[in-house]
PDB file of all heavy atoms in Angstrom:
ATOM      1  N   SER A   1       0.817  -1.217   0.000  1.00  0.00           N
ATOM      2  CA  SER A   1       0.000   0.000   0.000  1.00  0.00           C
ATOM      3  C   SER A   1       0.850   1.266   0.000  1.00  0.00           C
ATOM      4  O   SER A   1       0.431   2.309  -0.505  1.00  0.00           O
ATOM      5  CB  SER A   1      -0.935   0.010   1.212  1.00  0.00           C
ATOM      6  OG  SER A   1      -0.191  -0.064   2.422  1.00  0.00           O
ATOM      7  N   SER A   2       2.064   1.188   0.559  1.00  0.00           N
ATOM      8  CA  SER A   2       2.912   2.379   0.627  1.00  0.00           C
ATOM      9  C   SER A   2       3.416   2.784  -0.752  1.00  0.00           C
ATOM     10  O   SER A   2       3.524   3.980  -1.053  1.00  0.00           O
ATOM     11  CB  SER A   2       4.094   2.145   1.575  1.00  0.00           C
ATOM     12  OG  SER A   2       4.946   1.121   1.087  1.00  0.00           O
ATOM     13  N   VAL A   3       3.734   1.811  -1.594  1.00  0.00           N
ATOM     14  CA  VAL A   3       4.193   2.150  -2.946  1.00  0.00           C
ATOM     15  C   VAL A   3       3.003   2.516  -3.830  1.00  0.00           C
ATOM     16  O   VAL A   3       3.122   3.360  -4.735  1.00  0.00           O
ATOM     17  CB  VAL A   3       5.019   0.995  -3.573  1.00  0.00           C
ATOM     18  CG1 VAL A   3       4.167  -0.218  -3.857  1.00  0.00           C
ATOM     19  CG2 VAL A   3       5.694   1.448  -4.859  1.00  0.00           C
ATOM     20  N   GLU A   4       1.838   1.947  -3.547  1.00  0.00           N
ATOM     21  CA  GLU A   4       0.650   2.284  -4.330  1.00  0.00           C
ATOM     22  C   GLU A   4       0.247   3.740  -4.120  1.00  0.00           C
ATOM     23  O   GLU A   4      -0.396   4.345  -4.989  1.00  0.00           O
ATOM     24  CB  GLU A   4      -0.506   1.354  -3.960  1.00  0.00           C
ATOM     25  CG  GLU A   4      -0.310  -0.067  -4.498  1.00  0.00           C
ATOM     26  CD  GLU A   4      -1.391  -1.027  -4.034  1.00  0.00           C
ATOM     27  OE1 GLU A   4      -2.037  -0.724  -3.006  1.00  0.00           O
ATOM     28  OE2 GLU A   4      -1.572  -2.069  -4.692  1.00  0.00           O
ATOM     29  N   GLN A   5       0.646   4.319  -2.987  1.00  0.00           N
ATOM     30  CA  GLN A   5       0.336   5.734  -2.739  1.00  0.00           C
ATOM     31  C   GLN A   5       0.995   6.646  -3.759  1.00  0.00           C
ATOM     32  O   GLN A   5       0.519   7.755  -4.017  1.00  0.00           O
ATOM     33  CB  GLN A   5       0.802   6.140  -1.347  1.00  0.00           C
ATOM     34  CG  GLN A   5      -0.068   5.578  -0.232  1.00  0.00           C
ATOM     35  CD  GLN A   5       0.370   6.153   1.092  1.00  0.00           C
ATOM     36  OE1 GLN A   5       0.140   7.321   1.388  1.00  0.00           O
ATOM     37  NE2 GLN A   5       1.013   5.355   1.901  1.00  0.00           N
ATOM     38  N   LEU A   6       2.100   6.187  -4.350  1.00  0.00           N
ATOM     39  CA  LEU A   6       2.799   7.004  -5.343  1.00  0.00           C
ATOM     40  C   LEU A   6       1.954   7.202  -6.595  1.00  0.00           C
ATOM     41  O   LEU A   6       2.239   8.085  -7.404  1.00  0.00           O
ATOM     42  CB  LEU A   6       4.135   6.349  -5.715  1.00  0.00           C
ATOM     43  CG  LEU A   6       5.128   6.134  -4.577  1.00  0.00           C
ATOM     44  CD1 LEU A   6       6.398   5.478  -5.095  1.00  0.00           C
ATOM     45  CD2 LEU A   6       5.455   7.448  -3.891  1.00  0.00           C
ATOM     46  N   MET A   7       0.916   6.379  -6.754  1.00  0.00           N
ATOM     47  CA  MET A   7       0.052   6.490  -7.928  1.00  0.00           C
ATOM     48  C   MET A   7      -1.065   7.509  -7.722  1.00  0.00           C
ATOM     49  O   MET A   7      -1.743   7.876  -8.678  1.00  0.00           O
ATOM     50  CB  MET A   7      -0.556   5.125  -8.263  1.00  0.00           C
ATOM     51  CG  MET A   7       0.454   4.076  -8.686  1.00  0.00           C
ATOM     52  SD  MET A   7      -0.319   2.442  -8.865  1.00  0.00           S
ATOM     53  CE  MET A   7      -1.558   2.772 -10.114  1.00  0.00           C
ATOM     54  N   GLU A   8      -1.274   7.941  -6.480  1.00  0.00           N
ATOM     55  CA  GLU A   8      -2.346   8.886  -6.209  1.00  0.00           C
ATOM     56  C   GLU A   8      -2.101  10.192  -6.964  1.00  0.00           C
ATOM     57  O   GLU A   8      -1.009  10.734  -6.948  1.00  0.00           O
ATOM     58  CB  GLU A   8      -2.458   9.161  -4.711  1.00  0.00           C
ATOM     59  CG  GLU A   8      -2.909   7.947  -3.915  1.00  0.00           C
ATOM     60  CD  GLU A   8      -3.071   8.253  -2.437  1.00  0.00           C
ATOM     61  OE1 GLU A   8      -2.994   9.446  -2.077  1.00  0.00           O
ATOM     62  OE2 GLU A   8      -3.269   7.314  -1.655  1.00  0.00           O
ATOM     63  N   GLY A   9      -3.114  10.666  -7.629  1.00  0.00           N
ATOM     64  CA  GLY A   9      -2.986  11.895  -8.410  1.00  0.00           C
ATOM     65  C   GLY A   9      -2.645  11.649  -9.866  1.00  0.00           C
ATOM     66  O   GLY A   9      -2.701  12.572 -10.678  1.00  0.00           O
ATOM     67  N   MET A  10      -2.280  10.398 -10.227  1.00  0.00           N
ATOM     68  CA  MET A  10      -2.002  10.076 -11.621  1.00  0.00           C
ATOM     69  C   MET A  10      -3.291  10.114 -12.425  1.00  0.00           C
ATOM     70  O   MET A  10      -4.334   9.622 -11.983  1.00  0.00           O
ATOM     71  CB  MET A  10      -1.374   8.685 -11.748  1.00  0.00           C
ATOM     72  CG  MET A  10       0.097   8.604 -11.446  1.00  0.00           C
ATOM     73  SD  MET A  10       0.754   6.951 -11.868  1.00  0.00           S
ATOM     74  CE  MET A  10       2.488   7.198 -11.495  1.00  0.00           C
ATOM     75  N   THR A  11      -3.224  10.679 -13.616  1.00  0.00           N
ATOM     76  CA  THR A  11      -4.395  10.708 -14.500  1.00  0.00           C
ATOM     77  C   THR A  11      -4.123  10.017 -15.832  1.00  0.00           C
ATOM     78  O   THR A  11      -5.058   9.594 -16.505  1.00  0.00           O
ATOM     79  CB  THR A  11      -4.834  12.158 -14.764  1.00  0.00           C
ATOM     80  OG1 THR A  11      -3.732  12.901 -15.329  1.00  0.00           O
ATOM     81  CG2 THR A  11      -5.289  12.838 -13.473  1.00  0.00           C
ATOM     82  N   ASP A  12      -2.861   9.901 -16.209  1.00  0.00           N
ATOM     83  CA  ASP A  12      -2.507   9.260 -17.474  1.00  0.00           C
ATOM     84  C   ASP A  12      -2.742   7.750 -17.369  1.00  0.00           C
ATOM     85  O   ASP A  12      -2.115   7.074 -16.560  1.00  0.00           O
ATOM     86  CB  ASP A  12      -1.046   9.553 -17.812  1.00  0.00           C
ATOM     87  CG  ASP A  12      -0.663   8.993 -19.174  1.00  0.00           C
ATOM     88  OD1 ASP A  12      -0.256   7.809 -19.229  1.00  0.00           O
ATOM     89  OD2 ASP A  12      -0.748   9.728 -20.164  1.00  0.00           O
ATOM     90  N   GLN A  13      -3.636   7.232 -18.186  1.00  0.00           N
ATOM     91  CA  GLN A  13      -4.017   5.824 -18.089  1.00  0.00           C
ATOM     92  C   GLN A  13      -2.863   4.881 -18.419  1.00  0.00           C
ATOM     93  O   GLN A  13      -2.743   3.804 -17.833  1.00  0.00           O
ATOM     94  CB  GLN A  13      -5.210   5.537 -19.017  1.00  0.00           C
ATOM     95  CG  GLN A  13      -6.496   6.220 -18.577  1.00  0.00           C
ATOM     96  CD  GLN A  13      -6.891   5.825 -17.160  1.00  0.00           C
ATOM     97  OE1 GLN A  13      -6.983   4.652 -16.818  1.00  0.00           O
ATOM     98  NE2 GLN A  13      -7.118   6.846 -16.320  1.00  0.00           N
ATOM     99  N   GLN A  14      -2.007   5.266 -19.348  1.00  0.00           N
ATOM    100  CA  GLN A  14      -0.864   4.421 -19.687  1.00  0.00           C
ATOM    101  C   GLN A  14       0.104   4.336 -18.510  1.00  0.00           C
ATOM    102  O   GLN A  14       0.633   3.267 -18.202  1.00  0.00           O
ATOM    103  CB  GLN A  14      -0.135   4.973 -20.925  1.00  0.00           C
ATOM    104  CG  GLN A  14       1.073   4.149 -21.372  1.00  0.00           C
ATOM    105  CD  GLN A  14       0.704   2.729 -21.768  1.00  0.00           C
ATOM    106  OE1 GLN A  14      -0.357   2.499 -22.350  1.00  0.00           O
ATOM    107  NE2 GLN A  14       1.566   1.771 -21.461  1.00  0.00           N
ATOM    108  N   ALA A  15       0.316   5.471 -17.830  1.00  0.00           N
ATOM    109  CA  ALA A  15       1.204   5.476 -16.665  1.00  0.00           C
ATOM    110  C   ALA A  15       0.615   4.643 -15.531  1.00  0.00           C
ATOM    111  O   ALA A  15       1.343   3.913 -14.835  1.00  0.00           O
ATOM    112  CB  ALA A  15       1.451   6.911 -16.197  1.00  0.00           C
ATOM    113  N   ILE A  16      -0.701   4.742 -15.338  1.00  0.00           N
ATOM    114  CA  ILE A  16      -1.365   3.951 -14.295  1.00  0.00           C
ATOM    115  C   ILE A  16      -1.242   2.463 -14.596  1.00  0.00           C
ATOM    116  O   ILE A  16      -0.957   1.652 -13.704  1.00  0.00           O
ATOM    117  CB  ILE A  16      -2.851   4.366 -14.177  1.00  0.00           C
ATOM    118  CG1 ILE A  16      -2.958   5.793 -13.636  1.00  0.00           C
ATOM    119  CG2 ILE A  16      -3.616   3.391 -13.287  1.00  0.00           C
ATOM    120  CD1 ILE A  16      -4.367   6.361 -13.667  1.00  0.00           C
ATOM    121  N   LYS A  17      -1.455   2.099 -15.858  1.00  0.00           N
ATOM    122  CA  LYS A  17      -1.333   0.697 -16.276  1.00  0.00           C
ATOM    123  C   LYS A  17       0.087   0.182 -16.017  1.00  0.00           C
ATOM    124  O   LYS A  17       0.280  -0.924 -15.493  1.00  0.00           O
ATOM    125  CB  LYS A  17      -1.667   0.569 -17.761  1.00  0.00           C
ATOM    126  CG  LYS A  17      -1.395  -0.820 -18.348  1.00  0.00           C
ATOM    127  CD  LYS A  17      -1.517  -0.805 -19.872  1.00  0.00           C
ATOM    128  CE  LYS A  17      -1.049  -2.133 -20.464  1.00  0.00           C
ATOM    129  NZ  LYS A  17      -1.049  -2.106 -21.955  1.00  0.00           N
ATOM    130  N   MET A  18       1.070   0.992 -16.368  1.00  0.00           N
ATOM    131  CA  MET A  18       2.460   0.594 -16.197  1.00  0.00           C
ATOM    132  C   MET A  18       2.807   0.422 -14.717  1.00  0.00           C
ATOM    133  O   MET A  18       3.400  -0.588 -14.315  1.00  0.00           O
ATOM    134  CB  MET A  18       3.382   1.634 -16.826  1.00  0.00           C
ATOM    135  CG  MET A  18       4.863   1.363 -16.614  1.00  0.00           C
ATOM    136  SD  MET A  18       5.862   2.640 -17.419  1.00  0.00           S
ATOM    137  CE  MET A  18       7.466   2.264 -16.737  1.00  0.00           C
ATOM    138  N   MET A  19       2.433   1.400 -13.888  1.00  0.00           N
ATOM    139  CA  MET A  19       2.749   1.332 -12.454  1.00  0.00           C
ATOM    140  C   MET A  19       2.051   0.156 -11.788  1.00  0.00           C
ATOM    141  O   MET A  19       2.657  -0.573 -10.985  1.00  0.00           O
ATOM    142  CB  MET A  19       2.358   2.636 -11.767  1.00  0.00           C
ATOM    143  CG  MET A  19       3.337   3.766 -11.972  1.00  0.00           C
ATOM    144  SD  MET A  19       4.943   3.459 -11.175  1.00  0.00           S
ATOM    145  CE  MET A  19       4.499   3.559  -9.440  1.00  0.00           C
ATOM    146  N   THR A  20       0.775  -0.066 -12.112  1.00  0.00           N
ATOM    147  CA  THR A  20       0.042  -1.185 -11.527  1.00  0.00           C
ATOM    148  C   THR A  20       0.681  -2.505 -11.907  1.00  0.00           C
ATOM    149  O   THR A  20       0.857  -3.395 -11.066  1.00  0.00           O
ATOM    150  CB  THR A  20      -1.433  -1.163 -11.992  1.00  0.00           C
ATOM    151  OG1 THR A  20      -2.036   0.068 -11.625  1.00  0.00           O
ATOM    152  CG2 THR A  20      -2.212  -2.313 -11.362  1.00  0.00           C
ATOM    153  N   GLY A  21       1.054  -2.625 -13.178  1.00  0.00           N
ATOM    154  CA  GLY A  21       1.704  -3.850 -13.645  1.00  0.00           C
ATOM    155  C   GLY A  21       3.047  -4.079 -12.970  1.00  0.00           C
ATOM    156  O   GLY A  21       3.376  -5.202 -12.581  1.00  0.00           O
ATOM    157  N   LEU A  22       3.822  -3.006 -12.828  1.00  0.00           N
ATOM    158  CA  LEU A  22       5.136  -3.131 -12.191  1.00  0.00           C
ATOM    159  C   LEU A  22       5.008  -3.579 -10.737  1.00  0.00           C
ATOM    160  O   LEU A  22       5.739  -4.467 -10.276  1.00  0.00           O
ATOM    161  CB  LEU A  22       5.879  -1.794 -12.258  1.00  0.00           C
ATOM    162  CG  LEU A  22       6.541  -1.429 -13.581  1.00  0.00           C
ATOM    163  CD1 LEU A  22       7.087  -0.005 -13.530  1.00  0.00           C
ATOM    164  CD2 LEU A  22       7.663  -2.409 -13.908  1.00  0.00           C
ATOM    165  N   ILE A  23       4.078  -2.949 -10.014  1.00  0.00           N
ATOM    166  CA  ILE A  23       3.882  -3.298  -8.602  1.00  0.00           C
ATOM    167  C   ILE A  23       3.446  -4.752  -8.482  1.00  0.00           C
ATOM    168  O   ILE A  23       3.972  -5.505  -7.649  1.00  0.00           O
ATOM    169  CB  ILE A  23       2.857  -2.357  -7.952  1.00  0.00           C
ATOM    170  CG1 ILE A  23       3.398  -0.922  -7.901  1.00  0.00           C
ATOM    171  CG2 ILE A  23       2.520  -2.827  -6.535  1.00  0.00           C
ATOM    172  CD1 ILE A  23       2.362   0.115  -7.534  1.00  0.00           C
ATOM    173  N   ASP A  24       2.493  -5.177  -9.319  1.00  0.00           N
ATOM    174  CA  ASP A  24       2.024  -6.569  -9.299  1.00  0.00           C
ATOM    175  C   ASP A  24       3.188  -7.529  -9.576  1.00  0.00           C
ATOM    176  O   ASP A  24       3.360  -8.532  -8.881  1.00  0.00           O
ATOM    177  CB  ASP A  24       0.929  -6.791 -10.350  1.00  0.00           C
ATOM    178  CG  ASP A  24      -0.399  -6.186  -9.945  1.00  0.00           C
ATOM    179  OD1 ASP A  24      -0.576  -5.901  -8.742  1.00  0.00           O
ATOM    180  OD2 ASP A  24      -1.259  -5.989 -10.827  1.00  0.00           O
ATOM    181  N   TRP A  25       3.980  -7.176 -10.604  1.00  0.00           N
ATOM    182  CA  TRP A  25       5.064  -8.076 -11.017  1.00  0.00           C
ATOM    183  C   TRP A  25       6.129  -8.198  -9.927  1.00  0.00           C
ATOM    184  O   TRP A  25       6.594  -9.297  -9.633  1.00  0.00           O
ATOM    185  CB  TRP A  25       5.683  -7.551 -12.318  1.00  0.00           C
ATOM    186  CG  TRP A  25       6.701  -8.479 -12.896  1.00  0.00           C
ATOM    187  CD1 TRP A  25       6.480  -9.574 -13.691  1.00  0.00           C
ATOM    188  CD2 TRP A  25       8.123  -8.406 -12.714  1.00  0.00           C
ATOM    189  NE1 TRP A  25       7.673 -10.180 -14.008  1.00  0.00           N
ATOM    190  CE2 TRP A  25       8.698  -9.487 -13.427  1.00  0.00           C
ATOM    191  CE3 TRP A  25       8.964  -7.537 -12.026  1.00  0.00           C
ATOM    192  CZ2 TRP A  25      10.073  -9.708 -13.462  1.00  0.00           C
ATOM    193  CZ3 TRP A  25      10.324  -7.756 -12.061  1.00  0.00           C
ATOM    194  CH2 TRP A  25      10.868  -8.830 -12.767  1.00  0.00           C
ATOM    195  N   VAL A  26       6.508  -7.073  -9.330  1.00  0.00           N
ATOM    196  CA  VAL A  26       7.534  -7.103  -8.277  1.00  0.00           C
ATOM    197  C   VAL A  26       7.032  -7.864  -7.058  1.00  0.00           C
ATOM    198  O   VAL A  26       7.750  -8.692  -6.484  1.00  0.00           O
ATOM    199  CB  VAL A  26       7.949  -5.665  -7.875  1.00  0.00           C
ATOM    200  CG1 VAL A  26       8.800  -5.686  -6.608  1.00  0.00           C
ATOM    201  CG2 VAL A  26       8.722  -4.999  -9.011  1.00  0.00           C
ATOM    202  N   TRP A  27       5.797  -7.629  -6.666  1.00  0.00           N
ATOM    203  CA  TRP A  27       5.290  -8.238  -5.428  1.00  0.00           C
ATOM    204  C   TRP A  27       5.055  -9.743  -5.546  1.00  0.00           C
ATOM    205  O   TRP A  27       5.139 -10.458  -4.560  1.00  0.00           O
ATOM    206  CB  TRP A  27       4.017  -7.529  -4.963  1.00  0.00           C
ATOM    207  CG  TRP A  27       4.248  -6.802  -3.673  1.00  0.00           C
ATOM    208  CD1 TRP A  27       3.869  -7.195  -2.430  1.00  0.00           C
ATOM    209  CD2 TRP A  27       4.964  -5.572  -3.486  1.00  0.00           C
ATOM    210  NE1 TRP A  27       4.300  -6.289  -1.485  1.00  0.00           N
ATOM    211  CE2 TRP A  27       4.975  -5.277  -2.106  1.00  0.00           C
ATOM    212  CE3 TRP A  27       5.601  -4.689  -4.360  1.00  0.00           C
ATOM    213  CZ2 TRP A  27       5.575  -4.142  -1.577  1.00  0.00           C
ATOM    214  CZ3 TRP A  27       6.199  -3.563  -3.840  1.00  0.00           C
ATOM    215  CH2 TRP A  27       6.182  -3.298  -2.467  1.00  0.00           C
ATOM    216  N   ARG A  28       4.781 -10.222  -6.773  1.00  0.00           N
ATOM    217  CA  ARG A  28       4.571 -11.666  -6.913  1.00  0.00           C
ATOM    218  C   ARG A  28       5.861 -12.404  -7.273  1.00  0.00           C
ATOM    219  O   ARG A  28       5.886 -13.637  -7.323  1.00  0.00           O
ATOM    220  CB  ARG A  28       3.496 -11.953  -7.961  1.00  0.00           C
ATOM    221  CG  ARG A  28       3.894 -11.696  -9.409  1.00  0.00           C
ATOM    222  CD  ARG A  28       2.843 -12.235 -10.379  1.00  0.00           C
ATOM    223  NE  ARG A  28       3.272 -12.088 -11.748  1.00  0.00           N
ATOM    224  CZ  ARG A  28       2.918 -11.100 -12.558  1.00  0.00           C
ATOM    225  NH1 ARG A  28       2.092 -10.167 -12.099  1.00  0.00           N
ATOM    226  NH2 ARG A  28       3.362 -11.023 -13.798  1.00  0.00           N
ATOM    227  N   ASN A  29       6.937 -11.631  -7.510  1.00  0.00           N
ATOM    228  CA  ASN A  29       8.211 -12.250  -7.893  1.00  0.00           C
ATOM    229  C   ASN A  29       8.826 -12.948  -6.689  1.00  0.00           C
ATOM    230  O   ASN A  29       8.922 -12.381  -5.598  1.00  0.00           O
ATOM    231  CB  ASN A  29       9.164 -11.179  -8.430  1.00  0.00           C
ATOM    232  CG  ASN A  29      10.234 -11.762  -9.325  1.00  0.00           C
ATOM    233  OD1 ASN A  29      10.908 -12.691  -8.951  1.00  0.00           O
ATOM    234  ND2 ASN A  29      10.364 -11.206 -10.519  1.00  0.00           N
ATOM    235  N   SER A  30       9.274 -14.170  -6.899  1.00  0.00           N
ATOM    236  CA  SER A  30       9.801 -14.971  -5.784  1.00  0.00           C
ATOM    237  C   SER A  30      11.315 -14.926  -5.665  1.00  0.00           C
ATOM    238  O   SER A  30      11.874 -15.431  -4.689  1.00  0.00           O
ATOM    239  CB  SER A  30       9.357 -16.441  -5.937  1.00  0.00           C
ATOM    240  OG  SER A  30       9.810 -16.980  -7.173  1.00  0.00           O
ATOM    241  N   VAL A  31      12.010 -14.314  -6.632  1.00  0.00           N
ATOM    242  CA  VAL A  31      13.470 -14.245  -6.543  1.00  0.00           C
ATOM    243  C   VAL A  31      13.856 -13.175  -5.534  1.00  0.00           C
ATOM    244  O   VAL A  31      13.046 -12.339  -5.140  1.00  0.00           O
ATOM    245  CB  VAL A  31      14.118 -13.951  -7.918  1.00  0.00           C
ATOM    246  CG1 VAL A  31      13.702 -14.978  -8.943  1.00  0.00           C
ATOM    247  CG2 VAL A  31      13.774 -12.547  -8.386  1.00  0.00           C
ATOM    248  N   SER A  32      15.122 -13.187  -5.095  1.00  0.00           N
ATOM    249  CA  SER A  32      15.575 -12.228  -4.097  1.00  0.00           C
ATOM    250  C   SER A  32      15.508 -10.811  -4.655  1.00  0.00           C
ATOM    251  O   SER A  32      15.649 -10.595  -5.871  1.00  0.00           O
ATOM    252  CB  SER A  32      17.007 -12.545  -3.653  1.00  0.00           C
ATOM    253  OG  SER A  32      17.913 -12.331  -4.711  1.00  0.00           O
ATOM    254  N   SER A  33      15.305  -9.849  -3.771  1.00  0.00           N
ATOM    255  CA  SER A  33      15.156  -8.450  -4.196  1.00  0.00           C
ATOM    256  C   SER A  33      16.367  -7.957  -4.977  1.00  0.00           C
ATOM    257  O   SER A  33      16.229  -7.137  -5.895  1.00  0.00           O
ATOM    258  CB  SER A  33      14.928  -7.557  -2.968  1.00  0.00           C
ATOM    259  OG  SER A  33      13.731  -7.900  -2.306  1.00  0.00           O
ATOM    260  N   ASP A  34      17.557  -8.460  -4.630  1.00  0.00           N
ATOM    261  CA  ASP A  34      18.776  -8.008  -5.303  1.00  0.00           C
ATOM    262  C   ASP A  34      18.846  -8.457  -6.762  1.00  0.00           C
ATOM    263  O   ASP A  34      19.629  -7.912  -7.538  1.00  0.00           O
ATOM    264  CB  ASP A  34      20.013  -8.525  -4.560  1.00  0.00           C
ATOM    265  CG  ASP A  34      20.154  -7.904  -3.180  1.00  0.00           C
ATOM    266  OD1 ASP A  34      19.623  -6.793  -2.987  1.00  0.00           O
ATOM    267  OD2 ASP A  34      20.760  -8.537  -2.296  1.00  0.00           O
ATOM    268  N   LYS A  35      18.038  -9.455  -7.129  1.00  0.00           N
ATOM    269  CA  LYS A  35      18.105 -10.000  -8.492  1.00  0.00           C
ATOM    270  C   LYS A  35      16.900  -9.624  -9.350  1.00  0.00           C
ATOM    271  O   LYS A  35      16.886  -9.903 -10.544  1.00  0.00           O
ATOM    272  CB  LYS A  35      18.243 -11.527  -8.428  1.00  0.00           C
ATOM    273  CG  LYS A  35      19.539 -11.998  -7.773  1.00  0.00           C
ATOM    274  CD  LYS A  35      19.623 -13.519  -7.750  1.00  0.00           C
ATOM    275  CE  LYS A  35      20.934 -13.988  -7.097  1.00  0.00           C
ATOM    276  NZ  LYS A  35      21.023 -15.463  -7.032  1.00  0.00           N
ATOM    277  N   ILE A  36      15.881  -9.026  -8.727  1.00  0.00           N
ATOM    278  CA  ILE A  36      14.669  -8.711  -9.483  1.00  0.00           C
ATOM    279  C   ILE A  36      14.956  -7.713 -10.604  1.00  0.00           C
ATOM    280  O   ILE A  36      14.461  -7.851 -11.729  1.00  0.00           O
ATOM    281  CB  ILE A  36      13.571  -8.148  -8.551  1.00  0.00           C
ATOM    282  CG1 ILE A  36      13.132  -9.215  -7.554  1.00  0.00           C
ATOM    283  CG2 ILE A  36      12.361  -7.699  -9.371  1.00  0.00           C
ATOM    284  CD1 ILE A  36      12.078  -8.725  -6.563  1.00  0.00           C
ATOM    285  N   GLY A  37      15.763  -6.697 -10.303  1.00  0.00           N
ATOM    286  CA  GLY A  37      16.072  -5.685 -11.303  1.00  0.00           C
ATOM    287  C   GLY A  37      16.739  -6.271 -12.532  1.00  0.00           C
ATOM    288  O   GLY A  37      16.381  -5.946 -13.674  1.00  0.00           O
ATOM    289  N   GLN A  38      17.711  -7.132 -12.312  1.00  0.00           N
ATOM    290  CA  GLN A  38      18.418  -7.766 -13.428  1.00  0.00           C
ATOM    291  C   GLN A  38      17.461  -8.627 -14.253  1.00  0.00           C
ATOM    292  O   GLN A  38      17.511  -8.624 -15.483  1.00  0.00           O
ATOM    293  CB  GLN A  38      19.565  -8.631 -12.891  1.00  0.00           C
ATOM    294  CG  GLN A  38      20.388  -9.311 -13.978  1.00  0.00           C
ATOM    295  CD  GLN A  38      21.508 -10.155 -13.389  1.00  0.00           C
ATOM    296  OE1 GLN A  38      21.679 -10.229 -12.181  1.00  0.00           O
ATOM    297  NE2 GLN A  38      22.276 -10.806 -14.242  1.00  0.00           N
ATOM    298  N   GLN A  39      16.592  -9.356 -13.552  1.00  0.00           N
ATOM    299  CA  GLN A  39      15.610 -10.195 -14.241  1.00  0.00           C
ATOM    300  C   GLN A  39      14.659  -9.347 -15.087  1.00  0.00           C
ATOM    301  O   GLN A  39      14.355  -9.683 -16.239  1.00  0.00           O
ATOM    302  CB  GLN A  39      14.814 -11.013 -13.221  1.00  0.00           C
ATOM    303  CG  GLN A  39      13.821 -11.980 -13.851  1.00  0.00           C
ATOM    304  CD  GLN A  39      12.945 -12.646 -12.818  1.00  0.00           C
ATOM    305  OE1 GLN A  39      12.040 -12.007 -12.287  1.00  0.00           O
ATOM    306  NE2 GLN A  39      13.212 -13.915 -12.518  1.00  0.00           N
ATOM    307  N   PHE A  40      14.221  -8.216 -14.521  1.00  0.00           N
ATOM    308  CA  PHE A  40      13.321  -7.336 -15.265  1.00  0.00           C
ATOM    309  C   PHE A  40      14.001  -6.799 -16.516  1.00  0.00           C
ATOM    310  O   PHE A  40      13.395  -6.755 -17.590  1.00  0.00           O
ATOM    311  CB  PHE A  40      12.856  -6.180 -14.383  1.00  0.00           C
ATOM    312  CG  PHE A  40      11.907  -5.246 -15.083  1.00  0.00           C
ATOM    313  CD1 PHE A  40      10.546  -5.480 -15.052  1.00  0.00           C
ATOM    314  CD2 PHE A  40      12.387  -4.152 -15.788  1.00  0.00           C
ATOM    315  CE1 PHE A  40       9.665  -4.633 -15.713  1.00  0.00           C
ATOM    316  CE2 PHE A  40      11.516  -3.303 -16.460  1.00  0.00           C
ATOM    317  CZ  PHE A  40      10.153  -3.552 -16.423  1.00  0.00           C
ATOM    318  N   LYS A  41      15.250  -6.356 -16.382  1.00  0.00           N
ATOM    319  CA  LYS A  41      15.977  -5.789 -17.526  1.00  0.00           C
ATOM    320  C   LYS A  41      16.089  -6.819 -18.651  1.00  0.00           C
ATOM    321  O   LYS A  41      15.894  -6.484 -19.830  1.00  0.00           O
ATOM    322  CB  LYS A  41      17.376  -5.336 -17.073  1.00  0.00           C
ATOM    323  CG  LYS A  41      18.218  -4.678 -18.170  1.00  0.00           C
ATOM    324  CD  LYS A  41      17.636  -3.329 -18.563  1.00  0.00           C
ATOM    325  CE  LYS A  41      18.542  -2.590 -19.545  1.00  0.00           C
ATOM    326  NZ  LYS A  41      19.814  -2.147 -18.943  1.00  0.00           N
ATOM    327  N   GLN A  42      16.366  -8.057 -18.305  1.00  0.00           N
ATOM    328  CA  GLN A  42      16.469  -9.113 -19.318  1.00  0.00           C
ATOM    329  C   GLN A  42      15.134  -9.334 -20.017  1.00  0.00           C
ATOM    330  O   GLN A  42      15.070  -9.487 -21.241  1.00  0.00           O
ATOM    331  CB  GLN A  42      16.958 -10.410 -18.665  1.00  0.00           C
ATOM    332  CG  GLN A  42      18.403 -10.347 -18.189  1.00  0.00           C
ATOM    333  CD  GLN A  42      18.798 -11.555 -17.358  1.00  0.00           C
ATOM    334  OE1 GLN A  42      17.956 -12.349 -16.922  1.00  0.00           O
ATOM    335  NE2 GLN A  42      20.090 -11.707 -17.121  1.00  0.00           N
TER     336      GLN A  42
END
């Protein structure tokens, strides 16, 4: 919920879609936090 607060005030639907997807993807990812970024970049 703390990171979702960063979306408050957003009106651009593409940006909202991107942020929601990113939050969902990071939170359901089971790899260690130190490796998530590298995995995403790939």
